[in-house]
PDB file of N, CA and C in Angstrom:
ATOM      1  N   UNK A   1     -20.664 -16.787   9.320  1.00  0.00           N
ATOM      2  CA  UNK A   1     -21.998 -16.393   8.908  1.00  0.00           C
ATOM      3  C   UNK A   1     -22.833 -15.891  10.088  1.00  0.00           C
ATOM      4  N   UNK A   2     -22.400 -16.118  11.282  1.00  0.00           N
ATOM      5  CA  UNK A   2     -23.189 -15.743  12.452  1.00  0.00           C
ATOM      6  C   UNK A   2     -23.428 -14.235  12.534  1.00  0.00           C
ATOM      7  N   UNK A   3     -22.469 -13.427  12.095  1.00  0.00           N
ATOM      8  CA  UNK A   3     -22.635 -11.978  12.205  1.00  0.00           C
ATOM      9  C   UNK A   3     -23.737 -11.450  11.290  1.00  0.00           C
ATOM     10  N   UNK A   4     -23.911 -12.040  10.112  1.00  0.00           N
ATOM     11  CA  UNK A   4     -24.901 -11.539   9.167  1.00  0.00           C
ATOM     12  C   UNK A   4     -26.314 -11.599   9.738  1.00  0.00           C
ATOM     13  N   UNK A   5     -26.783 -12.743  10.226  1.00  0.00           N
ATOM     14  CA  UNK A   5     -28.126 -12.757  10.793  1.00  0.00           C
ATOM     15  C   UNK A   5     -28.266 -11.807  11.985  1.00  0.00           C
ATOM     16  N   UNK A   6     -27.226 -11.672  12.797  1.00  0.00           N
ATOM     17  CA  UNK A   6     -27.281 -10.758  13.940  1.00  0.00           C
ATOM     18  C   UNK A   6     -27.437  -9.326  13.472  1.00  0.00           C
ATOM     19  N   UNK A   7     -26.702  -8.957  12.440  1.00  0.00           N
ATOM     20  CA  UNK A   7     -26.767  -7.601  11.895  1.00  0.00           C
ATOM     21  C   UNK A   7     -28.193  -7.260  11.467  1.00  0.00           C
ATOM     22  N   UNK A   8     -28.827  -8.136  10.710  1.00  0.00           N
ATOM     23  CA  UNK A   8     -30.191  -7.878  10.251  1.00  0.00           C
ATOM     24  C   UNK A   8     -31.205  -8.023  11.388  1.00  0.00           C
ATOM     25  N   UNK A   9     -30.959  -8.949  12.288  1.00  0.00           N
ATOM     26  CA  UNK A   9     -31.865  -9.111  13.429  1.00  0.00           C
ATOM     27  C   UNK A   9     -31.878  -7.850  14.282  1.00  0.00           C
ATOM     28  N   UNK A  10     -30.697  -7.274  14.511  1.00  0.00           N
ATOM     29  CA  UNK A  10     -30.628  -6.054  15.317  1.00  0.00           C
ATOM     30  C   UNK A  10     -31.438  -4.936  14.686  1.00  0.00           C
ATOM     31  N   UNK A  11     -31.368  -4.810  13.366  1.00  0.00           N
ATOM     32  CA  UNK A  11     -32.149  -3.779  12.667  1.00  0.00           C
ATOM     33  C   UNK A  11     -33.643  -4.025  12.881  1.00  0.00           C
ATOM     34  N   UNK A  12     -34.068  -5.260  12.727  1.00  0.00           N
ATOM     35  CA  UNK A  12     -35.482  -5.591  12.935  1.00  0.00           C
ATOM     36  C   UNK A  12     -35.897  -5.326  14.375  1.00  0.00           C
ATOM     37  N   UNK A  13     -35.037  -5.671  15.312  1.00  0.00           N
ATOM     38  CA  UNK A  13     -35.341  -5.451  16.730  1.00  0.00           C
ATOM     39  C   UNK A  13     -35.510  -3.963  17.016  1.00  0.00           C
ATOM     40  N   UNK A  14     -34.618  -3.132  16.512  1.00  0.00           N
ATOM     41  CA  UNK A  14     -34.742  -1.685  16.720  1.00  0.00           C
ATOM     42  C   UNK A  14     -36.021  -1.144  16.089  1.00  0.00           C
ATOM     43  N   UNK A  15     -36.415  -1.704  14.964  1.00  0.00           N
ATOM     44  CA  UNK A  15     -37.619  -1.210  14.293  1.00  0.00           C
ATOM     45  C   UNK A  15     -38.862  -1.430  15.152  1.00  0.00           C
ATOM     46  N   UNK A  16     -38.865  -2.465  15.976  1.00  0.00           N
ATOM     47  CA  UNK A  16     -40.018  -2.712  16.845  1.00  0.00           C
ATOM     48  C   UNK A  16     -40.099  -1.709  17.981  1.00  0.00           C
ATOM     49  N   UNK A  17     -38.998  -0.994  18.214  1.00  0.00           N
ATOM     50  CA  UNK A  17     -38.959   0.019  19.285  1.00  0.00           C
ATOM     51  C   UNK A  17     -38.809   1.422  18.703  1.00  0.00           C
ATOM     52  N   UNK A  18     -39.316   1.603  17.474  1.00  0.00           N
ATOM     53  CA  UNK A  18     -39.257   2.898  16.793  1.00  0.00           C
ATOM     54  C   UNK A  18     -37.824   3.429  16.731  1.00  0.00           C
ATOM     55  N   UNK A  19     -36.869   2.520  16.631  1.00  0.00           N
ATOM     56  CA  UNK A  19     -35.436   2.803  16.482  1.00  0.00           C
ATOM     57  C   UNK A  19     -34.840   3.552  17.670  1.00  0.00           C
ATOM     58  N   UNK A  20     -35.461   3.420  18.832  1.00  0.00           N
ATOM     59  CA  UNK A  20     -34.937   4.016  20.058  1.00  0.00           C
ATOM     60  C   UNK A  20     -33.555   3.435  20.356  1.00  0.00           C
ATOM     61  N   UNK A  21     -32.533   4.276  20.434  1.00  0.00           N
ATOM     62  CA  UNK A  21     -31.173   3.842  20.709  1.00  0.00           C
ATOM     63  C   UNK A  21     -30.407   3.336  19.496  1.00  0.00           C
ATOM     64  N   UNK A  22     -31.028   3.372  18.336  1.00  0.00           N
ATOM     65  CA  UNK A  22     -30.379   2.902  17.113  1.00  0.00           C
ATOM     66  C   UNK A  22     -29.263   3.857  16.709  1.00  0.00           C
ATOM     67  N   UNK A  23     -28.105   3.303  16.368  1.00  0.00           N
ATOM     68  CA  UNK A  23     -26.969   4.108  15.922  1.00  0.00           C
ATOM     69  C   UNK A  23     -26.752   3.817  14.439  1.00  0.00           C
ATOM     70  N   UNK A  24     -27.234   4.723  13.597  1.00  0.00           N
ATOM     71  CA  UNK A  24     -27.178   4.487  12.154  1.00  0.00           C
ATOM     72  C   UNK A  24     -25.752   4.290  11.654  1.00  0.00           C
ATOM     73  N   UNK A  25     -24.826   5.106  12.123  1.00  0.00           N
ATOM     74  CA  UNK A  25     -23.446   4.976  11.638  1.00  0.00           C
ATOM     75  C   UNK A  25     -22.872   3.608  11.988  1.00  0.00           C
ATOM     76  N   UNK A  26     -23.166   3.130  13.169  1.00  0.00           N
ATOM     77  CA  UNK A  26     -22.702   1.791  13.563  1.00  0.00           C
ATOM     78  C   UNK A  26     -23.283   0.725  12.645  1.00  0.00           C
ATOM     79  N   UNK A  27     -24.558   0.868  12.309  1.00  0.00           N
ATOM     80  CA  UNK A  27     -25.220  -0.066  11.397  1.00  0.00           C
ATOM     81  C   UNK A  27     -24.482  -0.120  10.057  1.00  0.00           C
ATOM     82  N   UNK A  28     -24.168   1.070   9.487  1.00  0.00           N
ATOM     83  CA  UNK A  28     -23.486   1.111   8.186  1.00  0.00           C
ATOM     84  C   UNK A  28     -22.040   0.644   8.311  1.00  0.00           C
ATOM     85  N   UNK A  29     -21.391   0.933   9.422  1.00  0.00           N
ATOM     86  CA  UNK A  29     -20.024   0.434   9.637  1.00  0.00           C
ATOM     87  C   UNK A  29     -19.999  -1.092   9.676  1.00  0.00           C
ATOM     88  N   UNK A  30     -20.987  -1.690  10.348  1.00  0.00           N
ATOM     89  CA  UNK A  30     -21.061  -3.148  10.399  1.00  0.00           C
ATOM     90  C   UNK A  30     -21.321  -3.721   9.002  1.00  0.00           C
ATOM     91  N   UNK A  31     -22.183  -3.057   8.247  1.00  0.00           N
ATOM     92  CA  UNK A  31     -22.438  -3.497   6.869  1.00  0.00           C
ATOM     93  C   UNK A  31     -21.149  -3.464   6.057  1.00  0.00           C
ATOM     94  N   UNK A  32     -20.409  -2.386   6.169  1.00  0.00           N
ATOM     95  CA  UNK A  32     -19.154  -2.270   5.421  1.00  0.00           C
ATOM     96  C   UNK A  32     -18.195  -3.397   5.792  1.00  0.00           C
ATOM     97  N   UNK A  33     -18.120  -3.728   7.058  1.00  0.00           N
ATOM     98  CA  UNK A  33     -17.260  -4.824   7.486  1.00  0.00           C
ATOM     99  C   UNK A  33     -17.699  -6.169   6.925  1.00  0.00           C
ATOM    100  N   UNK A  34     -18.993  -6.372   6.817  1.00  0.00           N
ATOM    101  CA  UNK A  34     -19.524  -7.627   6.293  1.00  0.00           C
ATOM    102  C   UNK A  34     -19.369  -7.748   4.775  1.00  0.00           C
ATOM    103  N   UNK A  35     -19.270  -6.620   4.086  1.00  0.00           N
ATOM    104  CA  UNK A  35     -19.174  -6.655   2.625  1.00  0.00           C
ATOM    105  C   UNK A  35     -17.918  -7.348   2.127  1.00  0.00           C
ATOM    106  N   UNK A  36     -16.879  -7.391   2.931  1.00  0.00           N
ATOM    107  CA  UNK A  36     -15.679  -8.112   2.528  1.00  0.00           C
ATOM    108  C   UNK A  36     -15.964  -9.593   2.316  1.00  0.00           C
ATOM    109  N   UNK A  37     -16.812 -10.144   3.164  1.00  0.00           N
ATOM    110  CA  UNK A  37     -17.157 -11.556   3.069  1.00  0.00           C
ATOM    111  C   UNK A  37     -18.404 -11.784   2.215  1.00  0.00           C
ATOM    112  N   UNK A  38     -19.293 -10.807   2.203  1.00  0.00           N
ATOM    113  CA  UNK A  38     -20.557 -10.911   1.468  1.00  0.00           C
ATOM    114  C   UNK A  38     -20.722  -9.688   0.557  1.00  0.00           C
ATOM    115  N   UNK A  39     -20.044  -9.647  -0.588  1.00  0.00           N
ATOM    116  CA  UNK A  39     -20.058  -8.458  -1.447  1.00  0.00           C
ATOM    117  C   UNK A  39     -21.447  -8.040  -1.938  1.00  0.00           C
ATOM    118  N   UNK A  40     -22.367  -8.958  -2.028  1.00  0.00           N
ATOM    119  CA  UNK A  40     -23.701  -8.617  -2.514  1.00  0.00           C
ATOM    120  C   UNK A  40     -24.471  -7.725  -1.541  1.00  0.00           C
ATOM    121  N   UNK A  41     -23.969  -7.579  -0.331  1.00  0.00           N
ATOM    122  CA  UNK A  41     -24.663  -6.742   0.654  1.00  0.00           C
ATOM    123  C   UNK A  41     -24.647  -5.264   0.278  1.00  0.00           C
ATOM    124  N   UNK A  42     -23.806  -4.870  -0.658  1.00  0.00           N
ATOM    125  CA  UNK A  42     -23.748  -3.451  -1.029  1.00  0.00           C
ATOM    126  C   UNK A  42     -25.104  -2.944  -1.517  1.00  0.00           C
ATOM    127  N   UNK A  43     -25.960  -3.833  -1.977  1.00  0.00           N
ATOM    128  CA  UNK A  43     -27.280  -3.411  -2.459  1.00  0.00           C
ATOM    129  C   UNK A  43     -28.155  -2.871  -1.338  1.00  0.00           C
ATOM    130  N   UNK A  44     -27.893  -3.266  -0.086  1.00  0.00           N
ATOM    131  CA  UNK A  44     -28.706  -2.787   1.019  1.00  0.00           C
ATOM    132  C   UNK A  44     -28.607  -1.270   1.186  1.00  0.00           C
ATOM    133  N   UNK A  45     -27.428  -0.741   1.023  1.00  0.00           N
ATOM    134  CA  UNK A  45     -27.271   0.720   1.156  1.00  0.00           C
ATOM    135  C   UNK A  45     -28.051   1.435   0.057  1.00  0.00           C
ATOM    136  N   UNK A  46     -27.973   0.900  -1.155  1.00  0.00           N
ATOM    137  CA  UNK A  46     -28.695   1.493  -2.270  1.00  0.00           C
ATOM    138  C   UNK A  46     -30.212   1.406  -2.060  1.00  0.00           C
ATOM    139  N   UNK A  47     -30.687   0.264  -1.592  1.00  0.00           N
ATOM    140  CA  UNK A  47     -32.120   0.121  -1.318  1.00  0.00           C
ATOM    141  C   UNK A  47     -32.573   1.101  -0.235  1.00  0.00           C
ATOM    142  N   UNK A  48     -31.740   1.271   0.784  1.00  0.00           N
ATOM    143  CA  UNK A  48     -32.057   2.229   1.845  1.00  0.00           C
ATOM    144  C   UNK A  48     -32.162   3.637   1.272  1.00  0.00           C
ATOM    145  N   UNK A  49     -31.188   4.019   0.454  1.00  0.00           N
ATOM    146  CA  UNK A  49     -31.190   5.357  -0.136  1.00  0.00           C
ATOM    147  C   UNK A  49     -32.409   5.559  -1.039  1.00  0.00           C
ATOM    148  N   UNK A  50     -32.776   4.510  -1.786  1.00  0.00           N
ATOM    149  CA  UNK A  50     -33.958   4.604  -2.650  1.00  0.00           C
ATOM    150  C   UNK A  50     -35.224   4.801  -1.820  1.00  0.00           C
ATOM    151  N   UNK A  51     -35.356   4.036  -0.746  1.00  0.00           N
ATOM    152  CA  UNK A  51     -36.536   4.156   0.116  1.00  0.00           C
ATOM    153  C   UNK A  51     -36.574   5.514   0.809  1.00  0.00           C
ATOM    154  N   UNK A  52     -35.420   6.019   1.207  1.00  0.00           N
ATOM    155  CA  UNK A  52     -35.350   7.327   1.838  1.00  0.00           C
ATOM    156  C   UNK A  52     -35.790   8.409   0.851  1.00  0.00           C
ATOM    157  N   UNK A  53     -35.294   8.320  -0.378  1.00  0.00           N
ATOM    158  CA  UNK A  53     -35.700   9.276  -1.416  1.00  0.00           C
ATOM    159  C   UNK A  53     -37.207   9.218  -1.635  1.00  0.00           C
ATOM    160  N   UNK A  54     -37.737   7.990  -1.695  1.00  0.00           N
ATOM    161  CA  UNK A  54     -39.181   7.842  -1.903  1.00  0.00           C
ATOM    162  C   UNK A  54     -39.973   8.452  -0.745  1.00  0.00           C
ATOM    163  N   UNK A  55     -39.497   8.274   0.483  1.00  0.00           N
ATOM    164  CA  UNK A  55     -40.217   8.838   1.633  1.00  0.00           C
ATOM    165  C   UNK A  55     -40.174  10.363   1.633  1.00  0.00           C
ATOM    166  N   UNK A  56     -39.128  10.933   1.039  1.00  0.00           N
ATOM    167  CA  UNK A  56     -38.980  12.388   1.017  1.00  0.00           C
ATOM    168  C   UNK A  56     -39.650  13.034  -0.187  1.00  0.00           C
ATOM    169  N   UNK A  57     -39.714  12.308  -1.306  1.00  0.00           N
ATOM    170  CA  UNK A  57     -40.218  12.907  -2.548  1.00  0.00           C
ATOM    171  C   UNK A  57     -41.512  12.291  -3.048  1.00  0.00           C
ATOM    172  N   UNK A  58     -41.854  11.114  -2.528  1.00  0.00           N
ATOM    173  CA  UNK A  58     -43.054  10.431  -2.989  1.00  0.00           C
ATOM    174  C   UNK A  58     -42.836   9.567  -4.213  1.00  0.00           C
ATOM    175  N   UNK A  59     -41.577   9.433  -4.642  1.00  0.00           N
ATOM    176  CA  UNK A  59     -41.308   8.575  -5.794  1.00  0.00           C
ATOM    177  C   UNK A  59     -39.948   7.905  -5.650  1.00  0.00           C
ATOM    178  N   UNK A  60     -39.866   6.697  -6.213  1.00  0.00           N
ATOM    179  CA  UNK A  60     -38.621   5.937  -6.237  1.00  0.00           C
ATOM    180  C   UNK A  60     -37.683   6.604  -7.234  1.00  0.00           C
ATOM    181  N   UNK A  61     -36.386   6.752  -6.925  1.00  0.00           N
ATOM    182  CA  UNK A  61     -35.473   7.409  -7.873  1.00  0.00           C
ATOM    183  C   UNK A  61     -35.297   6.595  -9.160  1.00  0.00           C
ATOM    184  N   UNK A  62     -35.142   7.314 -10.259  1.00  0.00           N
ATOM    185  CA  UNK A  62     -34.918   6.655 -11.547  1.00  0.00           C
ATOM    186  C   UNK A  62     -33.556   5.958 -11.544  1.00  0.00           C
ATOM    187  N   UNK A  63     -33.367   5.096 -12.518  1.00  0.00           N
ATOM    188  CA  UNK A  63     -32.084   4.402 -12.657  1.00  0.00           C
ATOM    189  C   UNK A  63     -30.967   5.422 -12.840  1.00  0.00           C
ATOM    190  N   UNK A  64     -31.224   6.451 -13.625  1.00  0.00           N
ATOM    191  CA  UNK A  64     -30.207   7.492 -13.849  1.00  0.00           C
ATOM    192  C   UNK A  64     -29.850   8.215 -12.552  1.00  0.00           C
ATOM    193  N   UNK A  65     -30.866   8.525 -11.742  1.00  0.00           N
ATOM    194  CA  UNK A  65     -30.619   9.192 -10.460  1.00  0.00           C
ATOM    195  C   UNK A  65     -29.823   8.279  -9.523  1.00  0.00           C
ATOM    196  N   UNK A  66     -30.139   6.999  -9.524  1.00  0.00           N
ATOM    197  CA  UNK A  66     -29.424   6.060  -8.669  1.00  0.00           C
ATOM    198  C   UNK A  66     -27.970   5.955  -9.090  1.00  0.00           C
ATOM    199  N   UNK A  67     -27.713   5.870 -10.388  1.00  0.00           N
ATOM    200  CA  UNK A  67     -26.329   5.773 -10.880  1.00  0.00           C
ATOM    201  C   UNK A  67     -25.539   7.014 -10.500  1.00  0.00           C
ATOM    202  N   UNK A  68     -26.145   8.166 -10.646  1.00  0.00           N
ATOM    203  CA  UNK A  68     -25.476   9.436 -10.310  1.00  0.00           C
ATOM    204  C   UNK A  68     -25.154   9.473  -8.804  1.00  0.00           C
ATOM    205  N   UNK A  69     -26.115   9.077  -7.988  1.00  0.00           N
ATOM    206  CA  UNK A  69     -25.942   9.096  -6.529  1.00  0.00           C
ATOM    207  C   UNK A  69     -24.851   8.108  -6.095  1.00  0.00           C
ATOM    208  N   UNK A  70     -24.847   6.934  -6.694  1.00  0.00           N
ATOM    209  CA  UNK A  70     -23.934   5.873  -6.263  1.00  0.00           C
ATOM    210  C   UNK A  70     -22.543   5.967  -6.885  1.00  0.00           C
ATOM    211  N   UNK A  71     -22.347   6.946  -7.759  1.00  0.00           N
ATOM    212  CA  UNK A  71     -21.040   7.089  -8.431  1.00  0.00           C
ATOM    213  C   UNK A  71     -19.964   7.573  -7.486  1.00  0.00           C
TER     214      UNK A  71
END
């Protein structure tokens, strides 16, 4: 369980520095590795994508849009 808190802590730490030096692909690779032990973590990627869509369009994606994207 030690890796899970570190994974999220690192994200929070980077956010305090405006993500200077943050490697997004590494973040998602670590998430993928953790999903084997913690399958419920898959929702984090979906939440990220929803928030990204909202920041770009001004609205949260509909359930239909989310299903299409995540298929």
